[in-house]
Amino acid sequence: MLKELKTHHRQVVRLTVQGCKPQEVSARTGIKITTVYSILRDPLAKGFMMAMEDKADDLAVDVKRELAELQRPALQVFDNLLSDADTPASVQLAAAKDVLDRNGHKPAETHKHLHGHFTSEDLATLRSRLEAQEAREAEGNGEYLEISA
């Protein structure tokens, strides 16, 4: 049982709170795996771990609250951009799209499927160009093959 948490004990707990497995903690710190497990089982280390997790939870709540407080000013920026006659149309369009996207009105997604067919002559041309490229590379002339349609 630990009497106090030394620097290496805290390091083991910090790495664990950050999501490292005991094996990774051992590898990073050079502390034997059995010692890592002993530290993590110790009541003093468990208390330190709980305090760190509580602090992380509080920080996450603070960030969420701060983001919620920024929503109104952010909406005002969008409103100003959309209603100001001096704002370029492209900026107004981008702002309008952002507002609509964030409210569930995204444009329909489209996927283009391009299909091509090569004739035997096309394949022969590609093969000869590839062979020429490989020959240049073998000579040490590292030019790149340029493929064009």
C-alpha atoms as a PDB file:
ATOM      1  CA  MET A   1       0.000   0.000   0.000  1.00  0.00           C
ATOM      2  CA  LEU A   2       1.345   3.394  -1.017  1.00  0.00           C
ATOM      3  CA  LYS A   3       1.917   6.068   1.628  1.00  0.00           C
ATOM      4  CA  GLU A   4       2.156   8.844  -0.962  1.00  0.00           C
ATOM      5  CA  LEU A   5       1.934   9.185  -4.725  1.00  0.00           C
ATOM      6  CA  LYS A   6       5.296   9.880  -6.230  1.00  0.00           C
ATOM      7  CA  THR A   7       5.880  11.276  -9.713  1.00  0.00           C
ATOM      8  CA  HIS A   8       6.057   7.863 -11.388  1.00  0.00           C
ATOM      9  CA  HIS A   9       2.836   6.740  -9.637  1.00  0.00           C
ATOM     10  CA  ARG A  10       1.044   9.809 -10.964  1.00  0.00           C
ATOM     11  CA  GLN A  11       2.462   9.168 -14.418  1.00  0.00           C
ATOM     12  CA  VAL A  12       1.028   5.630 -14.395  1.00  0.00           C
ATOM     13  CA  VAL A  13      -2.386   6.971 -13.371  1.00  0.00           C
ATOM     14  CA  ARG A  14      -2.305   9.814 -15.940  1.00  0.00           C
ATOM     15  CA  LEU A  15      -1.458   7.459 -18.788  1.00  0.00           C
ATOM     16  CA  THR A  16      -4.229   5.116 -17.679  1.00  0.00           C
ATOM     17  CA  VAL A  17      -6.765   7.962 -17.529  1.00  0.00           C
ATOM     18  CA  GLN A  18      -5.638   8.969 -21.042  1.00  0.00           C
ATOM     19  CA  GLY A  19      -6.657   5.492 -22.234  1.00  0.00           C
ATOM     20  CA  CYS A  20      -3.385   3.555 -22.214  1.00  0.00           C
ATOM     21  CA  LYS A  21      -3.534  -0.130 -21.344  1.00  0.00           C
ATOM     22  CA  PRO A  22      -1.258  -1.320 -18.523  1.00  0.00           C
ATOM     23  CA  GLN A  23       1.078  -2.959 -21.053  1.00  0.00           C
ATOM     24  CA  GLU A  24       1.480   0.355 -22.881  1.00  0.00           C
ATOM     25  CA  VAL A  25       1.989   2.207 -19.589  1.00  0.00           C
ATOM     26  CA  SER A  26       4.725  -0.293 -18.724  1.00  0.00           C
ATOM     27  CA  ALA A  27       6.388   0.138 -22.118  1.00  0.00           C
ATOM     28  CA  ARG A  28       6.244   3.937 -21.989  1.00  0.00           C
ATOM     29  CA  THR A  29       7.481   4.307 -18.430  1.00  0.00           C
ATOM     30  CA  GLY A  30       9.848   1.355 -18.131  1.00  0.00           C
ATOM     31  CA  ILE A  31       7.977   0.218 -15.021  1.00  0.00           C
ATOM     32  CA  LYS A  32       7.362  -3.524 -14.705  1.00  0.00           C
ATOM     33  CA  ILE A  33       3.847  -4.584 -15.667  1.00  0.00           C
ATOM     34  CA  THR A  34       3.261  -6.132 -12.228  1.00  0.00           C
ATOM     35  CA  THR A  35       4.212  -2.820 -10.616  1.00  0.00           C
ATOM     36  CA  VAL A  36       1.827  -0.953 -12.923  1.00  0.00           C
ATOM     37  CA  TYR A  37      -1.023  -3.260 -11.837  1.00  0.00           C
ATOM     38  CA  SER A  38      -0.033  -2.822  -8.169  1.00  0.00           C
ATOM     39  CA  ILE A  39      -0.093   0.951  -8.508  1.00  0.00           C
ATOM     40  CA  LEU A  40      -3.487   0.907 -10.242  1.00  0.00           C
ATOM     41  CA  ARG A  41      -4.970  -1.304  -7.477  1.00  0.00           C
ATOM     42  CA  ASP A  42      -3.734   0.938  -4.684  1.00  0.00           C
ATOM     43  CA  PRO A  43      -6.468   2.993  -2.937  1.00  0.00           C
ATOM     44  CA  LEU A  44      -4.365   6.169  -3.074  1.00  0.00           C
ATOM     45  CA  ALA A  45      -3.865   5.802  -6.832  1.00  0.00           C
ATOM     46  CA  LYS A  46      -7.554   4.977  -7.306  1.00  0.00           C
ATOM     47  CA  GLY A  47      -8.480   8.178  -5.469  1.00  0.00           C
ATOM     48  CA  PHE A  48      -6.102  10.188  -7.676  1.00  0.00           C
ATOM     49  CA  MET A  49      -7.599   8.523 -10.763  1.00  0.00           C
ATOM     50  CA  MET A  50     -11.150   9.367  -9.666  1.00  0.00           C
ATOM     51  CA  ALA A  51     -10.134  12.992  -9.049  1.00  0.00           C
ATOM     52  CA  MET A  52      -8.576  13.209 -12.523  1.00  0.00           C
ATOM     53  CA  GLU A  53     -11.669  11.683 -14.138  1.00  0.00           C
ATOM     54  CA  ASP A  54     -13.945  14.071 -12.221  1.00  0.00           C
ATOM     55  CA  LYS A  55     -11.819  17.011 -13.366  1.00  0.00           C
ATOM     56  CA  ALA A  56     -12.008  15.780 -16.985  1.00  0.00           C
ATOM     57  CA  ASP A  57     -15.793  15.412 -16.667  1.00  0.00           C
ATOM     58  CA  ASP A  58     -16.106  18.932 -15.258  1.00  0.00           C
ATOM     59  CA  LEU A  59     -13.978  20.290 -18.098  1.00  0.00           C
ATOM     60  CA  ALA A  60     -16.161  18.541 -20.670  1.00  0.00           C
ATOM     61  CA  VAL A  61     -19.282  20.027 -19.091  1.00  0.00           C
ATOM     62  CA  ASP A  62     -17.677  23.488 -19.089  1.00  0.00           C
ATOM     63  CA  VAL A  63     -16.790  23.208 -22.774  1.00  0.00           C
ATOM     64  CA  LYS A  64     -20.314  22.062 -23.622  1.00  0.00           C
ATOM     65  CA  ARG A  65     -21.784  24.982 -21.670  1.00  0.00           C
ATOM     66  CA  GLU A  66     -19.446  27.471 -23.355  1.00  0.00           C
ATOM     67  CA  LEU A  67     -20.364  26.127 -26.791  1.00  0.00           C
ATOM     68  CA  ALA A  68     -24.049  26.451 -25.947  1.00  0.00           C
ATOM     69  CA  GLU A  69     -23.455  30.076 -24.921  1.00  0.00           C
ATOM     70  CA  LEU A  70     -21.787  30.792 -28.281  1.00  0.00           C
ATOM     71  CA  GLN A  71     -24.793  29.600 -30.291  1.00  0.00           C
ATOM     72  CA  ARG A  72     -26.730  32.859 -30.051  1.00  0.00           C
ATOM     73  CA  PRO A  73     -23.784  35.084 -31.139  1.00  0.00           C
ATOM     74  CA  ALA A  74     -22.986  32.655 -33.963  1.00  0.00           C
ATOM     75  CA  LEU A  75     -26.574  32.811 -35.178  1.00  0.00           C
ATOM     76  CA  GLN A  76     -26.391  36.609 -35.042  1.00  0.00           C
ATOM     77  CA  VAL A  77     -23.315  36.494 -37.316  1.00  0.00           C
ATOM     78  CA  PHE A  78     -25.240  34.396 -39.819  1.00  0.00           C
ATOM     79  CA  ASP A  79     -28.204  36.752 -39.572  1.00  0.00           C
ATOM     80  CA  ASN A  80     -25.955  39.778 -40.173  1.00  0.00           C
ATOM     81  CA  LEU A  81     -24.313  38.124 -43.190  1.00  0.00           C
ATOM     82  CA  LEU A  82     -27.647  37.180 -44.711  1.00  0.00           C
ATOM     83  CA  SER A  83     -29.347  40.550 -44.183  1.00  0.00           C
ATOM     84  CA  ASP A  84     -26.457  42.924 -44.965  1.00  0.00           C
ATOM     85  CA  ALA A  85     -26.775  44.229 -48.532  1.00  0.00           C
ATOM     86  CA  ASP A  86     -23.009  44.853 -48.666  1.00  0.00           C
ATOM     87  CA  THR A  87     -22.193  41.191 -48.042  1.00  0.00           C
ATOM     88  CA  PRO A  88     -21.133  39.514 -51.288  1.00  0.00           C
ATOM     89  CA  ALA A  89     -23.683  37.092 -52.680  1.00  0.00           C
ATOM     90  CA  SER A  90     -21.205  34.211 -52.500  1.00  0.00           C
ATOM     91  CA  VAL A  91     -20.755  34.771 -48.743  1.00  0.00           C
ATOM     92  CA  GLN A  92     -24.524  35.022 -48.244  1.00  0.00           C
ATOM     93  CA  LEU A  93     -25.026  31.802 -50.198  1.00  0.00           C
ATOM     94  CA  ALA A  94     -22.389  29.974 -48.141  1.00  0.00           C
ATOM     95  CA  ALA A  95     -23.958  31.247 -44.893  1.00  0.00           C
ATOM     96  CA  ALA A  96     -27.437  30.234 -46.022  1.00  0.00           C
ATOM     97  CA  LYS A  97     -26.194  26.742 -46.943  1.00  0.00           C
ATOM     98  CA  ASP A  98     -24.513  26.394 -43.537  1.00  0.00           C
ATOM     99  CA  VAL A  99     -27.699  27.403 -41.728  1.00  0.00           C
ATOM    100  CA  LEU A 100     -29.794  24.981 -43.774  1.00  0.00           C
ATOM    101  CA  ASP A 101     -27.266  22.140 -43.424  1.00  0.00           C
ATOM    102  CA  ARG A 102     -27.163  22.504 -39.660  1.00  0.00           C
ATOM    103  CA  ASN A 103     -30.932  22.354 -39.505  1.00  0.00           C
ATOM    104  CA  GLY A 104     -31.293  19.094 -41.384  1.00  0.00           C
ATOM    105  CA  HIS A 105     -31.811  20.457 -44.895  1.00  0.00           C
ATOM    106  CA  LYS A 106     -28.726  19.147 -46.637  1.00  0.00           C
ATOM    107  CA  PRO A 107     -28.724  18.832 -50.399  1.00  0.00           C
ATOM    108  CA  ALA A 108     -29.236  15.375 -51.810  1.00  0.00           C
ATOM    109  CA  GLU A 109     -25.989  13.475 -52.150  1.00  0.00           C
ATOM    110  CA  THR A 110     -25.127  12.426 -55.632  1.00  0.00           C
ATOM    111  CA  HIS A 111     -22.643   9.811 -56.650  1.00  0.00           C
ATOM    112  CA  LYS A 112     -21.112   9.642 -60.072  1.00  0.00           C
ATOM    113  CA  HIS A 113     -20.065   6.284 -61.349  1.00  0.00           C
ATOM    114  CA  LEU A 114     -17.743   6.564 -64.273  1.00  0.00           C
ATOM    115  CA  HIS A 115     -17.249   3.510 -66.420  1.00  0.00           C
ATOM    116  CA  GLY A 116     -14.792   3.197 -69.229  1.00  0.00           C
ATOM    117  CA  HIS A 117     -14.002   0.563 -71.760  1.00  0.00           C
ATOM    118  CA  PHE A 118     -10.576   0.082 -73.214  1.00  0.00           C
ATOM    119  CA  THR A 119      -9.984  -1.315 -76.643  1.00  0.00           C
ATOM    120  CA  SER A 120      -7.077  -3.652 -77.262  1.00  0.00           C
ATOM    121  CA  GLU A 121      -5.271  -0.724 -78.922  1.00  0.00           C
ATOM    122  CA  ASP A 122      -5.795   1.423 -75.799  1.00  0.00           C
ATOM    123  CA  LEU A 123      -4.360  -1.329 -73.627  1.00  0.00           C
ATOM    124  CA  ALA A 124      -1.389  -1.799 -75.950  1.00  0.00           C
ATOM    125  CA  THR A 125      -0.674   1.952 -75.840  1.00  0.00           C
ATOM    126  CA  LEU A 126      -0.895   2.015 -72.041  1.00  0.00           C
ATOM    127  CA  ARG A 127       1.354  -1.037 -71.799  1.00  0.00           C
ATOM    128  CA  SER A 128       4.004   0.514 -74.059  1.00  0.00           C
ATOM    129  CA  ARG A 129       3.892   3.807 -72.114  1.00  0.00           C
ATOM    130  CA  LEU A 130       4.285   1.894 -68.844  1.00  0.00           C
ATOM    131  CA  GLU A 131       7.230  -0.089 -70.223  1.00  0.00           C
ATOM    132  CA  ALA A 132       8.855   3.143 -71.410  1.00  0.00           C
ATOM    133  CA  GLN A 133       8.350   4.647 -67.955  1.00  0.00           C
ATOM    134  CA  GLU A 134       9.873   1.613 -66.269  1.00  0.00           C
ATOM    135  CA  ALA A 135      12.866   1.823 -68.614  1.00  0.00           C
ATOM    136  CA  ARG A 136      13.373   5.515 -67.715  1.00  0.00           C
ATOM    137  CA  GLU A 137      13.185   4.686 -64.012  1.00  0.00           C
ATOM    138  CA  ALA A 138      15.697   1.867 -64.441  1.00  0.00           C
ATOM    139  CA  GLU A 139      18.066   4.397 -66.016  1.00  0.00           C
ATOM    140  CA  GLY A 140      17.647   6.627 -62.984  1.00  0.00           C
ATOM    141  CA  ASN A 141      15.696   9.302 -64.821  1.00  0.00           C
ATOM    142  CA  GLY A 142      12.868   9.520 -62.238  1.00  0.00           C
ATOM    143  CA  GLU A 143      10.311  11.199 -64.476  1.00  0.00           C
ATOM    144  CA  TYR A 144       6.719  10.373 -63.770  1.00  0.00           C
ATOM    145  CA  LEU A 145       4.314   8.741 -66.157  1.00  0.00           C
ATOM    146  CA  GLU A 146       1.702  11.200 -67.297  1.00  0.00           C
ATOM    147  CA  ILE A 147      -1.664   9.603 -68.020  1.00  0.00           C
ATOM    148  CA  SER A 148      -4.104  11.590 -70.073  1.00  0.00           C
ATOM    149  CA  ALA A 149      -7.438  10.678 -71.512  1.00  0.00           C
END
